Amino acid sequence: MLTDLFNRVMEVGARKIETREINGVTYTTDRLIPVYPKTVEEIELNTLDGLIEYIKSEVDKDAKGNRLIVQIKSPKSVRLCSELLEGGKRNTYVDCKALLPHINFDCSLDSEEFNIMLQSSFVDTEDKNLLLKVAGNVKETSVKTVQDDGVSQVVAMSTGVASVEDVILPNRVSLKPYRTFTEVDQPESEFIFRVKEGITFKLIEADGGAWRLEAIKNIKEYLEKKLEGIENIDIIA
């Protein structure tokens, strides 16, 4: 029995694989699986400067001298990869992802939460300082009514023992949240600022996502400047 099994294995192993072409398509008498070189293990980084340092150092022999592509996938993700290899694959050498704060857009926050979010996650601008002033002065015990016409809001606030003053709140404000790599300028975009009785504050993005295109443009310009003179690099966005 063992002899028959051995002979059968040897017969299968020695079988000749034939190929035939029919109507322009090549067929074989056996199932063949292509064997490609193993792809490299990628390095994970969190800054654009780290990516630039890796490219300039030429630390990996596999990447040195070959055509390299820097792909800007999004405002917070950039990767360094090779040109097409056999079988249509690429080596990814570096996967670079920005470390960014979590920002609660479209969420109602109380005065303290809103204040902390603005101070920790936004670049200083005139409108940021204005919102900090509003959030710090509008107190739940001092607000009488909130009038809303769908565009602007008016808050009636107690300003003294017997006096009440109407305060018009800013609606569309221009802010610069941290939404991309810190090496580049943070895109400025418009937000709708809303206040609800309670008192809670909310920021709603109002630029249709155009900031993403500006962020990608800023990253591309930064990398082009820093990698100027390196001929085997293509930057795509």
C-alpha atoms as a PDB file:
ATOM      1  CA  MET A   1       0.000   0.000   0.000  1.00  0.00           C
ATOM      2  CA  LEU A   2       2.781   2.451   0.908  1.00  0.00           C
ATOM      3  CA  THR A   3       4.595   1.581  -2.303  1.00  0.00           C
ATOM      4  CA  ASP A   4       1.507   2.373  -4.390  1.00  0.00           C
ATOM      5  CA  LEU A   5       1.037   5.681  -2.583  1.00  0.00           C
ATOM      6  CA  PHE A   6       4.687   6.611  -3.142  1.00  0.00           C
ATOM      7  CA  ASN A   7       4.477   5.754  -6.817  1.00  0.00           C
ATOM      8  CA  ARG A   8       1.299   7.831  -7.160  1.00  0.00           C
ATOM      9  CA  VAL A   9       2.957  10.874  -5.555  1.00  0.00           C
ATOM     10  CA  MET A  10       5.982  10.525  -7.832  1.00  0.00           C
ATOM     11  CA  GLU A  11       3.706  10.223 -10.849  1.00  0.00           C
ATOM     12  CA  VAL A  12       1.844  13.420  -9.993  1.00  0.00           C
ATOM     13  CA  GLY A  13       5.095  15.253  -9.279  1.00  0.00           C
ATOM     14  CA  ALA A  14       6.634  14.202 -12.570  1.00  0.00           C
ATOM     15  CA  ARG A  15       3.589  15.034 -14.659  1.00  0.00           C
ATOM     16  CA  LYS A  16       4.348  17.484 -17.413  1.00  0.00           C
ATOM     17  CA  ILE A  17       2.303  20.671 -17.453  1.00  0.00           C
ATOM     18  CA  GLU A  18       1.106  21.504 -20.946  1.00  0.00           C
ATOM     19  CA  THR A  19      -0.163  24.846 -22.238  1.00  0.00           C
ATOM     20  CA  ARG A  20      -2.566  25.566 -25.075  1.00  0.00           C
ATOM     21  CA  GLU A  21      -3.708  28.803 -26.620  1.00  0.00           C
ATOM     22  CA  ILE A  22      -7.381  28.999 -27.600  1.00  0.00           C
ATOM     23  CA  ASN A  23      -8.820  32.178 -29.124  1.00  0.00           C
ATOM     24  CA  GLY A  24      -5.898  34.216 -27.811  1.00  0.00           C
ATOM     25  CA  VAL A  25      -6.189  32.870 -24.242  1.00  0.00           C
ATOM     26  CA  THR A  26      -3.486  30.604 -22.769  1.00  0.00           C
ATOM     27  CA  TYR A  27      -4.703  27.562 -20.806  1.00  0.00           C
ATOM     28  CA  THR A  28      -2.750  24.959 -18.804  1.00  0.00           C
ATOM     29  CA  THR A  29      -3.439  21.353 -17.854  1.00  0.00           C
ATOM     30  CA  ASP A  30      -2.905  22.192 -14.185  1.00  0.00           C
ATOM     31  CA  ARG A  31      -3.702  25.025 -11.802  1.00  0.00           C
ATOM     32  CA  LEU A  32      -0.747  27.375 -11.431  1.00  0.00           C
ATOM     33  CA  ILE A  33      -0.304  29.928  -8.650  1.00  0.00           C
ATOM     34  CA  PRO A  34       2.137  32.811  -9.256  1.00  0.00           C
ATOM     35  CA  VAL A  35       4.876  33.280  -6.674  1.00  0.00           C
ATOM     36  CA  TYR A  36       5.863  36.920  -6.101  1.00  0.00           C
ATOM     37  CA  PRO A  37       8.646  38.314  -3.905  1.00  0.00           C
ATOM     38  CA  LYS A  38       7.489  39.011  -0.358  1.00  0.00           C
ATOM     39  CA  THR A  39       6.491  42.644   0.218  1.00  0.00           C
ATOM     40  CA  VAL A  40       8.454  44.658   2.768  1.00  0.00           C
ATOM     41  CA  GLU A  41       7.206  45.457   6.263  1.00  0.00           C
ATOM     42  CA  GLU A  42       6.106  49.095   6.392  1.00  0.00           C
ATOM     43  CA  ILE A  43       7.300  51.623   8.978  1.00  0.00           C
ATOM     44  CA  GLU A  44       4.650  53.608  10.866  1.00  0.00           C
ATOM     45  CA  LEU A  45       5.363  57.303  11.444  1.00  0.00           C
ATOM     46  CA  ASN A  46       3.335  60.255  12.721  1.00  0.00           C
ATOM     47  CA  THR A  47       5.032  63.332  11.254  1.00  0.00           C
ATOM     48  CA  LEU A  48       5.872  64.649   7.814  1.00  0.00           C
ATOM     49  CA  ASP A  49       9.377  65.511   9.008  1.00  0.00           C
ATOM     50  CA  GLY A  50       9.866  61.869  10.006  1.00  0.00           C
ATOM     51  CA  LEU A  51       8.884  60.803   6.485  1.00  0.00           C
ATOM     52  CA  ILE A  52      11.264  63.345   4.957  1.00  0.00           C
ATOM     53  CA  GLU A  53      14.107  62.159   7.204  1.00  0.00           C
ATOM     54  CA  TYR A  54      13.490  58.538   6.162  1.00  0.00           C
ATOM     55  CA  ILE A  55      13.617  59.426   2.454  1.00  0.00           C
ATOM     56  CA  LYS A  56      16.794  61.493   2.768  1.00  0.00           C
ATOM     57  CA  SER A  57      18.580  58.933   4.929  1.00  0.00           C
ATOM     58  CA  GLU A  58      18.296  56.195   2.261  1.00  0.00           C
ATOM     59  CA  VAL A  59      18.389  53.729   5.149  1.00  0.00           C
ATOM     60  CA  ASP A  60      16.716  50.901   3.196  1.00  0.00           C
ATOM     61  CA  LYS A  61      18.678  49.504   0.272  1.00  0.00           C
ATOM     62  CA  ASP A  62      15.484  48.273  -1.386  1.00  0.00           C
ATOM     63  CA  ALA A  63      14.177  51.829  -1.713  1.00  0.00           C
ATOM     64  CA  LYS A  64      17.504  53.440  -2.603  1.00  0.00           C
ATOM     65  CA  GLY A  65      17.755  54.295  -6.286  1.00  0.00           C
ATOM     66  CA  ASN A  66      14.287  53.002  -7.149  1.00  0.00           C
ATOM     67  CA  ARG A  67      11.373  55.158  -8.229  1.00  0.00           C
ATOM     68  CA  LEU A  68       9.366  56.209  -5.143  1.00  0.00           C
ATOM     69  CA  ILE A  69       5.852  57.613  -4.867  1.00  0.00           C
ATOM     70  CA  VAL A  70       4.615  59.797  -2.018  1.00  0.00           C
ATOM     71  CA  GLN A  71       0.837  59.439  -1.986  1.00  0.00           C
ATOM     72  CA  ILE A  72      -1.179  61.986   0.003  1.00  0.00           C
ATOM     73  CA  LYS A  73      -4.245  59.906   0.783  1.00  0.00           C
ATOM     74  CA  SER A  74      -6.023  62.417   3.049  1.00  0.00           C
ATOM     75  CA  PRO A  75      -5.294  65.414   5.318  1.00  0.00           C
ATOM     76  CA  LYS A  76      -4.043  63.001   7.989  1.00  0.00           C
ATOM     77  CA  SER A  77      -2.548  60.123   5.984  1.00  0.00           C
ATOM     78  CA  VAL A  78       0.503  59.960   3.691  1.00  0.00           C
ATOM     79  CA  ARG A  79       2.359  56.884   2.478  1.00  0.00           C
ATOM     80  CA  LEU A  80       5.620  56.192   0.678  1.00  0.00           C
ATOM     81  CA  CYS A  81       5.494  53.328  -1.798  1.00  0.00           C
ATOM     82  CA  SER A  82       7.353  51.850  -4.755  1.00  0.00           C
ATOM     83  CA  GLU A  83       6.439  51.840  -8.422  1.00  0.00           C
ATOM     84  CA  LEU A  84       4.473  48.849  -9.707  1.00  0.00           C
ATOM     85  CA  LEU A  85       6.154  45.498  -9.159  1.00  0.00           C
ATOM     86  CA  GLU A  86       5.467  42.149 -10.807  1.00  0.00           C
ATOM     87  CA  GLY A  87       1.842  41.133 -10.447  1.00  0.00           C
ATOM     88  CA  GLY A  88       0.638  44.713 -10.052  1.00  0.00           C
ATOM     89  CA  LYS A  89       1.695  45.071  -6.414  1.00  0.00           C
ATOM     90  CA  ARG A  90       3.639  47.826  -4.650  1.00  0.00           C
ATOM     91  CA  ASN A  91       5.938  47.913  -1.647  1.00  0.00           C
ATOM     92  CA  THR A  92       4.752  50.342   1.021  1.00  0.00           C
ATOM     93  CA  TYR A  93       7.801  51.572   2.926  1.00  0.00           C
ATOM     94  CA  VAL A  94       6.207  54.166   5.221  1.00  0.00           C
ATOM     95  CA  ASP A  95       2.651  54.730   6.456  1.00  0.00           C
ATOM     96  CA  CYS A  96       2.468  58.200   8.012  1.00  0.00           C
ATOM     97  CA  LYS A  97      -0.604  59.155  10.054  1.00  0.00           C
ATOM     98  CA  ALA A  98      -1.071  62.450  11.898  1.00  0.00           C
ATOM     99  CA  LEU A  99      -1.794  62.443  15.629  1.00  0.00           C
ATOM    100  CA  LEU A 100      -4.806  64.727  16.004  1.00  0.00           C
ATOM    101  CA  PRO A 101      -7.176  65.656  18.839  1.00  0.00           C
ATOM    102  CA  HIS A 102     -10.752  64.387  18.805  1.00  0.00           C
ATOM    103  CA  ILE A 103     -13.045  67.351  18.136  1.00  0.00           C
ATOM    104  CA  ASN A 104     -16.752  67.134  18.936  1.00  0.00           C
ATOM    105  CA  PHE A 105     -18.342  68.798  15.924  1.00  0.00           C
ATOM    106  CA  ASP A 106     -22.154  68.639  15.689  1.00  0.00           C
ATOM    107  CA  CYS A 107     -22.345  67.858  19.421  1.00  0.00           C
ATOM    108  CA  SER A 108     -23.894  70.114  22.058  1.00  0.00           C
ATOM    109  CA  LEU A 109     -21.377  70.937  24.799  1.00  0.00           C
ATOM    110  CA  ASP A 110     -21.741  72.837  28.049  1.00  0.00           C
ATOM    111  CA  SER A 111     -19.726  75.993  28.661  1.00  0.00           C
ATOM    112  CA  GLU A 112     -16.723  74.263  30.255  1.00  0.00           C
ATOM    113  CA  GLU A 113     -16.496  71.488  27.636  1.00  0.00           C
ATOM    114  CA  PHE A 114     -16.823  74.017  24.813  1.00  0.00           C
ATOM    115  CA  ASN A 115     -14.139  76.247  26.340  1.00  0.00           C
ATOM    116  CA  ILE A 116     -11.700  73.340  26.741  1.00  0.00           C
ATOM    117  CA  MET A 117     -12.321  72.150  23.165  1.00  0.00           C
ATOM    118  CA  LEU A 118     -11.619  75.604  21.714  1.00  0.00           C
ATOM    119  CA  GLN A 119      -8.449  76.168  23.730  1.00  0.00           C
ATOM    120  CA  SER A 120      -6.944  72.718  23.159  1.00  0.00           C
ATOM    121  CA  SER A 121      -7.938  71.885  19.579  1.00  0.00           C
ATOM    122  CA  PHE A 122      -8.028  75.189  17.650  1.00  0.00           C
ATOM    123  CA  VAL A 123      -5.365  77.602  16.430  1.00  0.00           C
ATOM    124  CA  ASP A 124      -5.721  81.104  17.877  1.00  0.00           C
ATOM    125  CA  THR A 125      -7.842  83.337  15.626  1.00  0.00           C
ATOM    126  CA  GLU A 126     -10.044  86.379  16.125  1.00  0.00           C
ATOM    127  CA  ASP A 127     -13.260  84.333  15.922  1.00  0.00           C
ATOM    128  CA  LYS A 128     -11.921  81.728  18.363  1.00  0.00           C
ATOM    129  CA  ASN A 129     -11.313  84.462  20.936  1.00  0.00           C
ATOM    130  CA  LEU A 130     -14.810  85.813  20.280  1.00  0.00           C
ATOM    131  CA  LEU A 131     -16.393  82.408  20.939  1.00  0.00           C
ATOM    132  CA  LEU A 132     -14.359  81.995  24.128  1.00  0.00           C
ATOM    133  CA  LYS A 133     -15.680  85.347  25.298  1.00  0.00           C
ATOM    134  CA  VAL A 134     -19.280  84.385  24.508  1.00  0.00           C
ATOM    135  CA  ALA A 135     -18.993  80.964  26.155  1.00  0.00           C
ATOM    136  CA  GLY A 136     -17.423  82.505  29.241  1.00  0.00           C
ATOM    137  CA  ASN A 137     -20.053  85.220  29.693  1.00  0.00           C
ATOM    138  CA  VAL A 138     -23.289  83.412  28.807  1.00  0.00           C
ATOM    139  CA  LYS A 139     -24.399  81.694  32.009  1.00  0.00           C
ATOM    140  CA  GLU A 140     -27.468  79.513  32.388  1.00  0.00           C
ATOM    141  CA  THR A 141     -28.720  81.569  35.325  1.00  0.00           C
ATOM    142  CA  SER A 142     -28.393  84.836  33.388  1.00  0.00           C
ATOM    143  CA  VAL A 143     -30.116  83.826  30.139  1.00  0.00           C
ATOM    144  CA  LYS A 144     -33.791  84.715  29.892  1.00  0.00           C
ATOM    145  CA  THR A 145     -34.668  83.706  26.322  1.00  0.00           C
ATOM    146  CA  VAL A 146     -32.989  82.516  23.152  1.00  0.00           C
ATOM    147  CA  GLN A 147     -34.538  83.883  19.964  1.00  0.00           C
ATOM    148  CA  ASP A 148     -33.707  82.041  16.752  1.00  0.00           C
ATOM    149  CA  ASP A 149     -34.751  83.044  13.211  1.00  0.00           C
ATOM    150  CA  GLY A 150     -32.785  80.214  11.608  1.00  0.00           C
ATOM    151  CA  VAL A 151     -29.897  82.473  10.644  1.00  0.00           C
ATOM    152  CA  SER A 152     -28.931  84.520  13.700  1.00  0.00           C
ATOM    153  CA  GLN A 153     -29.547  84.084  17.408  1.00  0.00           C
ATOM    154  CA  VAL A 154     -30.259  86.690  20.061  1.00  0.00           C
ATOM    155  CA  VAL A 155     -29.717  85.901  23.737  1.00  0.00           C
ATOM    156  CA  ALA A 156     -31.429  88.069  26.346  1.00  0.00           C
ATOM    157  CA  MET A 157     -28.972  88.282  29.245  1.00  0.00           C
ATOM    158  CA  SER A 158     -29.296  89.820  32.669  1.00  0.00           C
ATOM    159  CA  THR A 159     -26.604  92.470  32.957  1.00  0.00           C
ATOM    160  CA  GLY A 160     -27.582  93.857  36.321  1.00  0.00           C
ATOM    161  CA  VAL A 161     -30.141  93.733  39.106  1.00  0.00           C
ATOM    162  CA  ALA A 162     -32.953  95.138  36.975  1.00  0.00           C
ATOM    163  CA  SER A 163     -31.572  95.406  33.445  1.00  0.00           C
ATOM    164  CA  VAL A 164     -31.694  92.946  30.543  1.00  0.00           C
ATOM    165  CA  GLU A 165     -29.636  93.304  27.362  1.00  0.00           C
ATOM    166  CA  ASP A 166     -30.048  91.525  24.007  1.00  0.00           C
ATOM    167  CA  VAL A 167     -26.785  90.065  22.725  1.00  0.00           C
ATOM    168  CA  ILE A 168     -26.503  88.998  19.052  1.00  0.00           C
ATOM    169  CA  LEU A 169     -24.435  85.852  18.801  1.00  0.00           C
ATOM    170  CA  PRO A 170     -22.019  85.241  15.918  1.00  0.00           C
ATOM    171  CA  ASN A 171     -23.441  82.695  13.479  1.00  0.00           C
ATOM    172  CA  ARG A 172     -20.871  81.870  10.812  1.00  0.00           C
ATOM    173  CA  VAL A 173     -17.386  81.951  12.274  1.00  0.00           C
ATOM    174  CA  SER A 174     -13.992  81.228  10.699  1.00  0.00           C
ATOM    175  CA  LEU A 175     -11.905  78.787  12.721  1.00  0.00           C
ATOM    176  CA  LYS A 176      -8.733  76.711  12.296  1.00  0.00           C
ATOM    177  CA  PRO A 177      -9.061  73.357  14.073  1.00  0.00           C
ATOM    178  CA  TYR A 178      -6.122  70.944  14.185  1.00  0.00           C
ATOM    179  CA  ARG A 179      -7.172  68.579  11.368  1.00  0.00           C
ATOM    180  CA  THR A 180      -3.930  67.849   9.530  1.00  0.00           C
ATOM    181  CA  PHE A 181      -0.191  67.472  10.170  1.00  0.00           C
ATOM    182  CA  THR A 182       1.155  70.202  12.459  1.00  0.00           C
ATOM    183  CA  GLU A 183       4.076  70.956  10.112  1.00  0.00           C
ATOM    184  CA  VAL A 184       1.678  72.657   7.682  1.00  0.00           C
ATOM    185  CA  ASP A 185      -0.771  75.524   8.090  1.00  0.00           C
ATOM    186  CA  GLN A 186      -4.145  74.388   9.432  1.00  0.00           C
ATOM    187  CA  PRO A 187      -6.927  75.174   6.907  1.00  0.00           C
ATOM    188  CA  GLU A 188      -9.355  77.875   7.965  1.00  0.00           C
ATOM    189  CA  SER A 189     -13.020  77.118   7.326  1.00  0.00           C
ATOM    190  CA  GLU A 190     -16.478  78.351   8.237  1.00  0.00           C
ATOM    191  CA  PHE A 191     -18.635  76.938  11.020  1.00  0.00           C
ATOM    192  CA  ILE A 192     -22.198  77.570  12.137  1.00  0.00           C
ATOM    193  CA  PHE A 193     -22.304  78.472  15.828  1.00  0.00           C
ATOM    194  CA  ARG A 194     -25.496  77.553  17.685  1.00  0.00           C
ATOM    195  CA  VAL A 195     -26.659  78.015  21.269  1.00  0.00           C
ATOM    196  CA  LYS A 196     -29.496  76.112  22.915  1.00  0.00           C
ATOM    197  CA  GLU A 197     -31.360  76.875  26.086  1.00  0.00           C
ATOM    198  CA  GLY A 198     -29.639  75.013  28.763  1.00  0.00           C
ATOM    199  CA  ILE A 199     -26.999  76.506  27.968  1.00  0.00           C
ATOM    200  CA  THR A 200     -25.151  74.359  25.405  1.00  0.00           C
ATOM    201  CA  PHE A 201     -22.969  75.288  22.429  1.00  0.00           C
ATOM    202  CA  LYS A 202     -22.499  73.560  19.086  1.00  0.00           C
ATOM    203  CA  LEU A 203     -20.193  73.996  16.071  1.00  0.00           C
ATOM    204  CA  ILE A 204     -21.311  72.655  12.681  1.00  0.00           C
ATOM    205  CA  GLU A 205     -18.959  72.460   9.678  1.00  0.00           C
ATOM    206  CA  ALA A 206     -20.223  74.709   6.883  1.00  0.00           C
ATOM    207  CA  ASP A 207     -17.660  74.588   4.066  1.00  0.00           C
ATOM    208  CA  GLY A 208     -18.741  71.352   2.387  1.00  0.00           C
ATOM    209  CA  GLY A 209     -15.414  69.690   3.171  1.00  0.00           C
ATOM    210  CA  ALA A 210     -13.382  72.158   1.086  1.00  0.00           C
ATOM    211  CA  TRP A 211     -10.823  72.349   3.900  1.00  0.00           C
ATOM    212  CA  ARG A 212      -9.679  68.820   2.993  1.00  0.00           C
ATOM    213  CA  LEU A 213      -8.541  69.955  -0.461  1.00  0.00           C
ATOM    214  CA  GLU A 214      -6.678  72.894   1.053  1.00  0.00           C
ATOM    215  CA  ALA A 215      -4.990  70.634   3.621  1.00  0.00           C
ATOM    216  CA  ILE A 216      -3.854  68.189   0.927  1.00  0.00           C
ATOM    217  CA  LYS A 217      -2.538  71.124  -1.134  1.00  0.00           C
ATOM    218  CA  ASN A 218      -0.599  72.418   1.893  1.00  0.00           C
ATOM    219  CA  ILE A 219       0.943  68.980   2.507  1.00  0.00           C
ATOM    220  CA  LYS A 220       1.964  68.634  -1.154  1.00  0.00           C
ATOM    221  CA  GLU A 221       3.609  72.067  -1.215  1.00  0.00           C
ATOM    222  CA  TYR A 222       5.461  71.343   2.036  1.00  0.00           C
ATOM    223  CA  LEU A 223       6.804  68.008   0.792  1.00  0.00           C
ATOM    224  CA  GLU A 224       7.789  69.450  -2.604  1.00  0.00           C
ATOM    225  CA  LYS A 225       9.812  72.152  -0.870  1.00  0.00           C
ATOM    226  CA  LYS A 226      11.505  69.783   1.590  1.00  0.00           C
ATOM    227  CA  LEU A 227      12.252  67.079  -1.015  1.00  0.00           C
ATOM    228  CA  GLU A 228      13.418  69.442  -3.747  1.00  0.00           C
ATOM    229  CA  GLY A 229      16.366  68.027  -5.668  1.00  0.00           C
ATOM    230  CA  ILE A 230      15.577  64.354  -5.013  1.00  0.00           C
ATOM    231  CA  GLU A 231      14.967  63.068  -8.529  1.00  0.00           C
ATOM    232  CA  ASN A 232      13.491  59.620  -7.838  1.00  0.00           C
ATOM    233  CA  ILE A 233      10.469  60.990  -5.918  1.00  0.00           C
ATOM    234  CA  ASP A 234       7.000  61.662  -7.340  1.00  0.00           C
ATOM    235  CA  ILE A 235       4.424  63.352  -5.079  1.00  0.00           C
ATOM    236  CA  ILE A 236       0.778  62.730  -5.928  1.00  0.00           C
ATOM    237  CA  ALA A 237      -2.397  63.950  -4.240  1.00  0.00           C
END
